[in-house]
Amino acid sequence: MAKYLGFTVLLLVYGVILLGNYPEKIMSAPPCPFPCFVDVEYVTCPSSGDKKLDPQCSCCLAPKNCTLHLADGTLIQC
């Protein structure tokens, strides 16, 4: 039993050390100012030509200069 407790404590200590080394990367992401659209059918980008890419819910997740195509035909330029 003490063997498992020591291993668990060791894992927790390693986790705290790893998280402590990179707090700026975890906490530095700014909030996304764009709403998340649930009805995005696909995404197109100039860099991929006519290819329909997997849907992303907002411009924060889609590549820059891409277009979100909604189910109702609305286009959202990112």
PDB file of N, CA and C in Angstrom:
ATOM      1  N   MET A   1       0.824  -1.198   0.000  1.00  0.00           N
ATOM      2  CA  MET A   1       0.000   0.000   0.000  1.00  0.00           C
ATOM      3  C   MET A   1       0.862   1.253   0.000  1.00  0.00           C
ATOM      4  N   ALA A   2       1.900   1.274   0.826  1.00  0.00           N
ATOM      5  CA  ALA A   2       2.781   2.443   0.896  1.00  0.00           C
ATOM      6  C   ALA A   2       3.518   2.628  -0.432  1.00  0.00           C
ATOM      7  N   LYS A   3       3.761   1.535  -1.119  1.00  0.00           N
ATOM      8  CA  LYS A   3       4.441   1.591  -2.413  1.00  0.00           C
ATOM      9  C   LYS A   3       3.596   2.361  -3.434  1.00  0.00           C
ATOM     10  N   TYR A   4       2.292   2.099  -3.464  1.00  0.00           N
ATOM     11  CA  TYR A   4       1.395   2.775  -4.390  1.00  0.00           C
ATOM     12  C   TYR A   4       1.210   4.237  -4.013  1.00  0.00           C
ATOM     13  N   LEU A   5       1.161   4.531  -2.729  1.00  0.00           N
ATOM     14  CA  LEU A   5       1.018   5.905  -2.268  1.00  0.00           C
ATOM     15  C   LEU A   5       2.246   6.727  -2.660  1.00  0.00           C
ATOM     16  N   GLY A   6       3.411   6.153  -2.500  1.00  0.00           N
ATOM     17  CA  GLY A   6       4.640   6.854  -2.884  1.00  0.00           C
ATOM     18  C   GLY A   6       4.690   7.124  -4.381  1.00  0.00           C
ATOM     19  N   PHE A   7       4.266   6.174  -5.180  1.00  0.00           N
ATOM     20  CA  PHE A   7       4.236   6.340  -6.635  1.00  0.00           C
ATOM     21  C   PHE A   7       3.243   7.428  -7.030  1.00  0.00           C
ATOM     22  N   THR A   8       2.084   7.452  -6.389  1.00  0.00           N
ATOM     23  CA  THR A   8       1.069   8.463  -6.667  1.00  0.00           C
ATOM     24  C   THR A   8       1.577   9.852  -6.312  1.00  0.00           C
ATOM     25  N   VAL A   9       2.195   9.990  -5.172  1.00  0.00           N
ATOM     26  CA  VAL A   9       2.751  11.281  -4.756  1.00  0.00           C
ATOM     27  C   VAL A   9       3.834  11.729  -5.734  1.00  0.00           C
ATOM     28  N   LEU A  10       4.664  10.808  -6.168  1.00  0.00           N
ATOM     29  CA  LEU A  10       5.721  11.127  -7.127  1.00  0.00           C
ATOM     30  C   LEU A  10       5.127  11.641  -8.444  1.00  0.00           C
ATOM     31  N   LEU A  11       4.080  10.995  -8.932  1.00  0.00           N
ATOM     32  CA  LEU A  11       3.416  11.455 -10.149  1.00  0.00           C
ATOM     33  C   LEU A  11       2.832  12.850  -9.972  1.00  0.00           C
ATOM     34  N   LEU A  12       2.222  13.107  -8.841  1.00  0.00           N
ATOM     35  CA  LEU A  12       1.663  14.430  -8.573  1.00  0.00           C
ATOM     36  C   LEU A  12       2.747  15.496  -8.536  1.00  0.00           C
ATOM     37  N   VAL A  13       3.872  15.195  -7.916  1.00  0.00           N
ATOM     38  CA  VAL A  13       4.980  16.154  -7.845  1.00  0.00           C
ATOM     39  C   VAL A  13       5.504  16.449  -9.249  1.00  0.00           C
ATOM     40  N   TYR A  14       5.693  15.419 -10.072  1.00  0.00           N
ATOM     41  CA  TYR A  14       6.148  15.636 -11.444  1.00  0.00           C
ATOM     42  C   TYR A  14       5.149  16.487 -12.231  1.00  0.00           C
ATOM     43  N   GLY A  15       3.876  16.228 -12.037  1.00  0.00           N
ATOM     44  CA  GLY A  15       2.847  17.017 -12.726  1.00  0.00           C
ATOM     45  C   GLY A  15       2.885  18.477 -12.331  1.00  0.00           C
ATOM     46  N   VAL A  16       3.044  18.757 -11.046  1.00  0.00           N
ATOM     47  CA  VAL A  16       3.129  20.136 -10.569  1.00  0.00           C
ATOM     48  C   VAL A  16       4.366  20.825 -11.135  1.00  0.00           C
ATOM     49  N   ILE A  17       5.464  20.113 -11.191  1.00  0.00           N
ATOM     50  CA  ILE A  17       6.703  20.687 -11.745  1.00  0.00           C
ATOM     51  C   ILE A  17       6.523  21.020 -13.221  1.00  0.00           C
ATOM     52  N   LEU A  18       5.936  20.095 -13.985  1.00  0.00           N
ATOM     53  CA  LEU A  18       5.735  20.340 -15.408  1.00  0.00           C
ATOM     54  C   LEU A  18       4.779  21.494 -15.657  1.00  0.00           C
ATOM     55  N   LEU A  19       3.700  21.570 -14.925  1.00  0.00           N
ATOM     56  CA  LEU A  19       2.757  22.677 -15.088  1.00  0.00           C
ATOM     57  C   LEU A  19       3.367  23.997 -14.638  1.00  0.00           C
ATOM     58  N   GLY A  20       4.204  23.953 -13.647  1.00  0.00           N
ATOM     59  CA  GLY A  20       4.847  25.161 -13.146  1.00  0.00           C
ATOM     60  C   GLY A  20       5.856  25.751 -14.108  1.00  0.00           C
ATOM     61  N   ASN A  21       6.386  24.936 -15.008  1.00  0.00           N
ATOM     62  CA  ASN A  21       7.370  25.427 -15.964  1.00  0.00           C
ATOM     63  C   ASN A  21       6.754  26.190 -17.119  1.00  0.00           C
ATOM     64  N   TYR A  22       5.475  25.965 -17.423  1.00  0.00           N
ATOM     65  CA  TYR A  22       4.853  26.579 -18.586  1.00  0.00           C
ATOM     66  C   TYR A  22       3.528  27.264 -18.268  1.00  0.00           C
ATOM     67  N   PRO A  23       3.407  28.020 -17.193  1.00  0.00           N
ATOM     68  CA  PRO A  23       2.111  28.620 -16.897  1.00  0.00           C
ATOM     69  C   PRO A  23       1.706  29.679 -17.910  1.00  0.00           C
ATOM     70  N   GLU A  24       2.678  30.375 -18.519  1.00  0.00           N
ATOM     71  CA  GLU A  24       2.342  31.418 -19.484  1.00  0.00           C
ATOM     72  C   GLU A  24       1.711  30.844 -20.740  1.00  0.00           C
ATOM     73  N   LYS A  25       2.066  29.625 -21.120  1.00  0.00           N
ATOM     74  CA  LYS A  25       1.478  29.006 -22.301  1.00  0.00           C
ATOM     75  C   LYS A  25       0.055  28.539 -22.020  1.00  0.00           C
ATOM     76  N   ILE A  26      -0.213  28.152 -20.816  1.00  0.00           N
ATOM     77  CA  ILE A  26      -1.548  27.677 -20.463  1.00  0.00           C
ATOM     78  C   ILE A  26      -2.500  28.856 -20.275  1.00  0.00           C
ATOM     79  N   MET A  27      -2.019  29.933 -19.683  1.00  0.00           N
ATOM     80  CA  MET A  27      -2.871  31.054 -19.320  1.00  0.00           C
ATOM     81  C   MET A  27      -2.838  32.203 -20.331  1.00  0.00           C
ATOM     82  N   SER A  28      -2.021  32.148 -21.391  1.00  0.00           N
ATOM     83  CA  SER A  28      -1.848  33.302 -22.252  1.00  0.00           C
ATOM     84  C   SER A  28      -2.815  33.380 -23.427  1.00  0.00           C
ATOM     85  N   ALA A  29      -3.614  32.376 -23.663  1.00  0.00           N
ATOM     86  CA  ALA A  29      -4.525  32.408 -24.798  1.00  0.00           C
ATOM     87  C   ALA A  29      -5.638  33.430 -24.547  1.00  0.00           C
ATOM     88  N   PRO A  30      -5.778  34.409 -25.452  1.00  0.00           N
ATOM     89  CA  PRO A  30      -6.831  35.405 -25.264  1.00  0.00           C
ATOM     90  C   PRO A  30      -8.195  34.782 -25.542  1.00  0.00           C
ATOM     91  N   PRO A  31      -9.230  35.334 -24.959  1.00  0.00           N
ATOM     92  CA  PRO A  31     -10.561  34.802 -25.233  1.00  0.00           C
ATOM     93  C   PRO A  31     -10.954  35.082 -26.684  1.00  0.00           C
ATOM     94  N   CYS A  32     -11.736  34.225 -27.256  1.00  0.00           N
ATOM     95  CA  CYS A  32     -12.155  34.375 -28.644  1.00  0.00           C
ATOM     96  C   CYS A  32     -13.331  35.358 -28.712  1.00  0.00           C
ATOM     97  N   PRO A  33     -13.197  36.446 -29.510  1.00  0.00           N
ATOM     98  CA  PRO A  33     -14.282  37.432 -29.597  1.00  0.00           C
ATOM     99  C   PRO A  33     -15.404  37.016 -30.549  1.00  0.00           C
ATOM    100  N   PHE A  34     -15.224  35.918 -31.279  1.00  0.00           N
ATOM    101  CA  PHE A  34     -16.221  35.491 -32.249  1.00  0.00           C
ATOM    102  C   PHE A  34     -17.164  34.456 -31.631  1.00  0.00           C
ATOM    103  N   PRO A  35     -18.440  34.495 -32.032  1.00  0.00           N
ATOM    104  CA  PRO A  35     -19.366  33.461 -31.530  1.00  0.00           C
ATOM    105  C   PRO A  35     -19.068  32.118 -32.181  1.00  0.00           C
ATOM    106  N   CYS A  36     -19.507  31.067 -31.545  1.00  0.00           N
ATOM    107  CA  CYS A  36     -19.342  29.722 -32.096  1.00  0.00           C
ATOM    108  C   CYS A  36     -20.626  29.364 -32.840  1.00  0.00           C
ATOM    109  N   PHE A  37     -20.512  29.125 -34.127  1.00  0.00           N
ATOM    110  CA  PHE A  37     -21.661  28.780 -34.953  1.00  0.00           C
ATOM    111  C   PHE A  37     -21.794  27.260 -35.013  1.00  0.00           C
ATOM    112  N   VAL A  38     -22.951  26.759 -34.645  1.00  0.00           N
ATOM    113  CA  VAL A  38     -23.155  25.304 -34.608  1.00  0.00           C
ATOM    114  C   VAL A  38     -23.561  24.745 -35.970  1.00  0.00           C
ATOM    115  N   ASP A  39     -23.911  25.624 -36.921  1.00  0.00           N
ATOM    116  CA  ASP A  39     -24.398  25.136 -38.215  1.00  0.00           C
ATOM    117  C   ASP A  39     -23.398  25.356 -39.356  1.00  0.00           C
ATOM    118  N   VAL A  40     -22.109  25.304 -39.045  1.00  0.00           N
ATOM    119  CA  VAL A  40     -21.088  25.426 -40.090  1.00  0.00           C
ATOM    120  C   VAL A  40     -21.000  24.093 -40.837  1.00  0.00           C
ATOM    121  N   GLU A  41     -21.211  24.149 -42.143  1.00  0.00           N
ATOM    122  CA  GLU A  41     -21.146  22.918 -42.946  1.00  0.00           C
ATOM    123  C   GLU A  41     -19.721  22.599 -43.380  1.00  0.00           C
ATOM    124  N   TYR A  42     -18.986  23.639 -43.793  1.00  0.00           N
ATOM    125  CA  TYR A  42     -17.603  23.427 -44.208  1.00  0.00           C
ATOM    126  C   TYR A  42     -16.880  24.769 -44.236  1.00  0.00           C
ATOM    127  N   VAL A  43     -15.566  24.685 -44.452  1.00  0.00           N
ATOM    128  CA  VAL A  43     -14.705  25.864 -44.499  1.00  0.00           C
ATOM    129  C   VAL A  43     -13.933  25.820 -45.814  1.00  0.00           C
ATOM    130  N   THR A  44     -13.776  26.995 -46.449  1.00  0.00           N
ATOM    131  CA  THR A  44     -12.908  27.078 -47.622  1.00  0.00           C
ATOM    132  C   THR A  44     -11.823  28.110 -47.351  1.00  0.00           C
ATOM    133  N   CYS A  45     -10.656  27.868 -47.940  1.00  0.00           N
ATOM    134  CA  CYS A  45      -9.509  28.763 -47.766  1.00  0.00           C
ATOM    135  C   CYS A  45      -8.855  28.985 -49.126  1.00  0.00           C
ATOM    136  N   PRO A  46      -8.336  30.193 -49.353  1.00  0.00           N
ATOM    137  CA  PRO A  46      -7.635  30.445 -50.611  1.00  0.00           C
ATOM    138  C   PRO A  46      -6.454  29.494 -50.822  1.00  0.00           C
ATOM    139  N   SER A  47      -5.804  29.124 -49.751  1.00  0.00           N
ATOM    140  CA  SER A  47      -4.622  28.269 -49.853  1.00  0.00           C
ATOM    141  C   SER A  47      -4.944  26.832 -50.252  1.00  0.00           C
ATOM    142  N   SER A  48      -6.220  26.415 -50.086  1.00  0.00           N
ATOM    143  CA  SER A  48      -6.583  25.028 -50.421  1.00  0.00           C
ATOM    144  C   SER A  48      -7.453  24.935 -51.668  1.00  0.00           C
ATOM    145  N   GLY A  49      -7.608  26.032 -52.386  1.00  0.00           N
ATOM    146  CA  GLY A  49      -8.388  26.013 -53.627  1.00  0.00           C
ATOM    147  C   GLY A  49      -9.866  25.762 -53.378  1.00  0.00           C
ATOM    148  N   ASP A  50     -10.462  24.851 -54.161  1.00  0.00           N
ATOM    149  CA  ASP A  50     -11.898  24.553 -54.057  1.00  0.00           C
ATOM    150  C   ASP A  50     -12.215  23.479 -53.021  1.00  0.00           C
ATOM    151  N   LYS A  51     -11.213  22.993 -52.344  1.00  0.00           N
ATOM    152  CA  LYS A  51     -11.410  21.905 -51.378  1.00  0.00           C
ATOM    153  C   LYS A  51     -12.240  22.383 -50.186  1.00  0.00           C
ATOM    154  N   LYS A  52     -13.247  21.581 -49.821  1.00  0.00           N
ATOM    155  CA  LYS A  52     -14.079  21.871 -48.646  1.00  0.00           C
ATOM    156  C   LYS A  52     -13.409  21.243 -47.425  1.00  0.00           C
ATOM    157  N   LEU A  53     -13.031  22.088 -46.493  1.00  0.00           N
ATOM    158  CA  LEU A  53     -12.336  21.626 -45.296  1.00  0.00           C
ATOM    159  C   LEU A  53     -13.331  21.325 -44.189  1.00  0.00           C
ATOM    160  N   ASP A  54     -12.870  20.605 -43.171  1.00  0.00           N
ATOM    161  CA  ASP A  54     -13.722  20.253 -42.031  1.00  0.00           C
ATOM    162  C   ASP A  54     -14.262  21.516 -41.371  1.00  0.00           C
ATOM    163  N   PRO A  55     -15.513  21.475 -40.904  1.00  0.00           N
ATOM    164  CA  PRO A  55     -16.106  22.664 -40.277  1.00  0.00           C
ATOM    165  C   PRO A  55     -15.425  23.033 -38.962  1.00  0.00           C
ATOM    166  N   GLN A  56     -15.278  24.331 -38.730  1.00  0.00           N
ATOM    167  CA  GLN A  56     -14.782  24.894 -37.473  1.00  0.00           C
ATOM    168  C   GLN A  56     -15.887  25.800 -36.958  1.00  0.00           C
ATOM    169  N   CYS A  57     -16.071  25.865 -35.667  1.00  0.00           N
ATOM    170  CA  CYS A  57     -17.234  26.594 -35.151  1.00  0.00           C
ATOM    171  C   CYS A  57     -17.055  28.108 -35.128  1.00  0.00           C
ATOM    172  N   SER A  58     -15.822  28.607 -35.211  1.00  0.00           N
ATOM    173  CA  SER A  58     -15.628  30.061 -35.204  1.00  0.00           C
ATOM    174  C   SER A  58     -14.350  30.427 -35.945  1.00  0.00           C
ATOM    175  N   CYS A  59     -14.180  31.722 -36.177  1.00  0.00           N
ATOM    176  CA  CYS A  59     -12.974  32.200 -36.862  1.00  0.00           C
ATOM    177  C   CYS A  59     -11.731  32.039 -35.992  1.00  0.00           C
ATOM    178  N   CYS A  60     -11.893  31.874 -34.701  1.00  0.00           N
ATOM    179  CA  CYS A  60     -10.734  31.647 -33.834  1.00  0.00           C
ATOM    180  C   CYS A  60     -10.106  30.283 -34.111  1.00  0.00           C
ATOM    181  N   LEU A  61     -10.908  29.344 -34.557  1.00  0.00           N
ATOM    182  CA  LEU A  61     -10.421  27.986 -34.811  1.00  0.00           C
ATOM    183  C   LEU A  61     -10.072  27.749 -36.269  1.00  0.00           C
ATOM    184  N   ALA A  62     -10.657  28.535 -37.174  1.00  0.00           N
ATOM    185  CA  ALA A  62     -10.389  28.376 -38.600  1.00  0.00           C
ATOM    186  C   ALA A  62      -9.100  29.104 -38.967  1.00  0.00           C
ATOM    187  N   PRO A  63      -8.419  28.649 -40.019  1.00  0.00           N
ATOM    188  CA  PRO A  63      -7.217  29.362 -40.469  1.00  0.00           C
ATOM    189  C   PRO A  63      -7.556  30.785 -40.928  1.00  0.00           C
ATOM    190  N   LYS A  64      -6.558  31.645 -40.916  1.00  0.00           N
ATOM    191  CA  LYS A  64      -6.736  33.041 -41.284  1.00  0.00           C
ATOM    192  C   LYS A  64      -7.122  33.157 -42.766  1.00  0.00           C
ATOM    193  N   ASN A  65      -7.967  34.141 -43.085  1.00  0.00           N
ATOM    194  CA  ASN A  65      -8.446  34.429 -44.450  1.00  0.00           C
ATOM    195  C   ASN A  65      -9.323  33.330 -45.032  1.00  0.00           C
ATOM    196  N   CYS A  66      -9.899  32.491 -44.195  1.00  0.00           N
ATOM    197  CA  CYS A  66     -10.793  31.438 -44.662  1.00  0.00           C
ATOM    198  C   CYS A  66     -12.247  31.878 -44.503  1.00  0.00           C
ATOM    199  N   THR A  67     -13.144  31.111 -45.084  1.00  0.00           N
ATOM    200  CA  THR A  67     -14.568  31.433 -45.045  1.00  0.00           C
ATOM    201  C   THR A  67     -15.332  30.275 -44.417  1.00  0.00           C
ATOM    202  N   LEU A  68     -16.201  30.596 -43.458  1.00  0.00           N
ATOM    203  CA  LEU A  68     -17.101  29.600 -42.874  1.00  0.00           C
ATOM    204  C   LEU A  68     -18.383  29.593 -43.700  1.00  0.00           C
ATOM    205  N   HIS A  69     -18.845  28.428 -44.116  1.00  0.00           N
ATOM    206  CA  HIS A  69     -20.081  28.289 -44.889  1.00  0.00           C
ATOM    207  C   HIS A  69     -21.141  27.687 -43.977  1.00  0.00           C
ATOM    208  N   LEU A  70     -22.154  28.485 -43.659  1.00  0.00           N
ATOM    209  CA  LEU A  70     -23.227  28.022 -42.777  1.00  0.00           C
ATOM    210  C   LEU A  70     -24.297  27.287 -43.577  1.00  0.00           C
ATOM    211  N   ALA A  71     -25.111  26.512 -42.887  1.00  0.00           N
ATOM    212  CA  ALA A  71     -26.142  25.693 -43.517  1.00  0.00           C
ATOM    213  C   ALA A  71     -27.182  26.528 -44.257  1.00  0.00           C
ATOM    214  N   ASP A  72     -27.434  27.753 -43.792  1.00  0.00           N
ATOM    215  CA  ASP A  72     -28.440  28.593 -44.452  1.00  0.00           C
ATOM    216  C   ASP A  72     -27.884  29.392 -45.630  1.00  0.00           C
ATOM    217  N   GLY A  73     -26.619  29.160 -45.989  1.00  0.00           N
ATOM    218  CA  GLY A  73     -26.012  29.853 -47.119  1.00  0.00           C
ATOM    219  C   GLY A  73     -25.202  31.083 -46.746  1.00  0.00           C
ATOM    220  N   THR A  74     -25.232  31.464 -45.485  1.00  0.00           N
ATOM    221  CA  THR A  74     -24.470  32.616 -45.019  1.00  0.00           C
ATOM    222  C   THR A  74     -22.976  32.309 -45.060  1.00  0.00           C
ATOM    223  N   LEU A  75     -22.198  33.298 -45.484  1.00  0.00           N
ATOM    224  CA  LEU A  75     -20.745  33.165 -45.517  1.00  0.00           C
ATOM    225  C   LEU A  75     -20.140  34.083 -44.466  1.00  0.00           C
ATOM    226  N   ILE A  76     -19.208  33.581 -43.698  1.00  0.00           N
ATOM    227  CA  ILE A  76     -18.530  34.373 -42.681  1.00  0.00           C
ATOM    228  C   ILE A  76     -17.047  34.376 -43.016  1.00  0.00           C
ATOM    229  N   GLN A  77     -16.544  35.560 -43.369  1.00  0.00           N
ATOM    230  CA  GLN A  77     -15.137  35.716 -43.739  1.00  0.00           C
ATOM    231  C   GLN A  77     -14.297  35.884 -42.484  1.00  0.00           C
ATOM    232  N   CYS A  78     -13.285  35.069 -42.336  1.00  0.00           N
ATOM    233  CA  CYS A  78     -12.415  35.143 -41.158  1.00  0.00           C
ATOM    234  C   CYS A  78     -11.161  35.950 -41.461  1.00  0.00           C
TER     235      CYS A  78
END
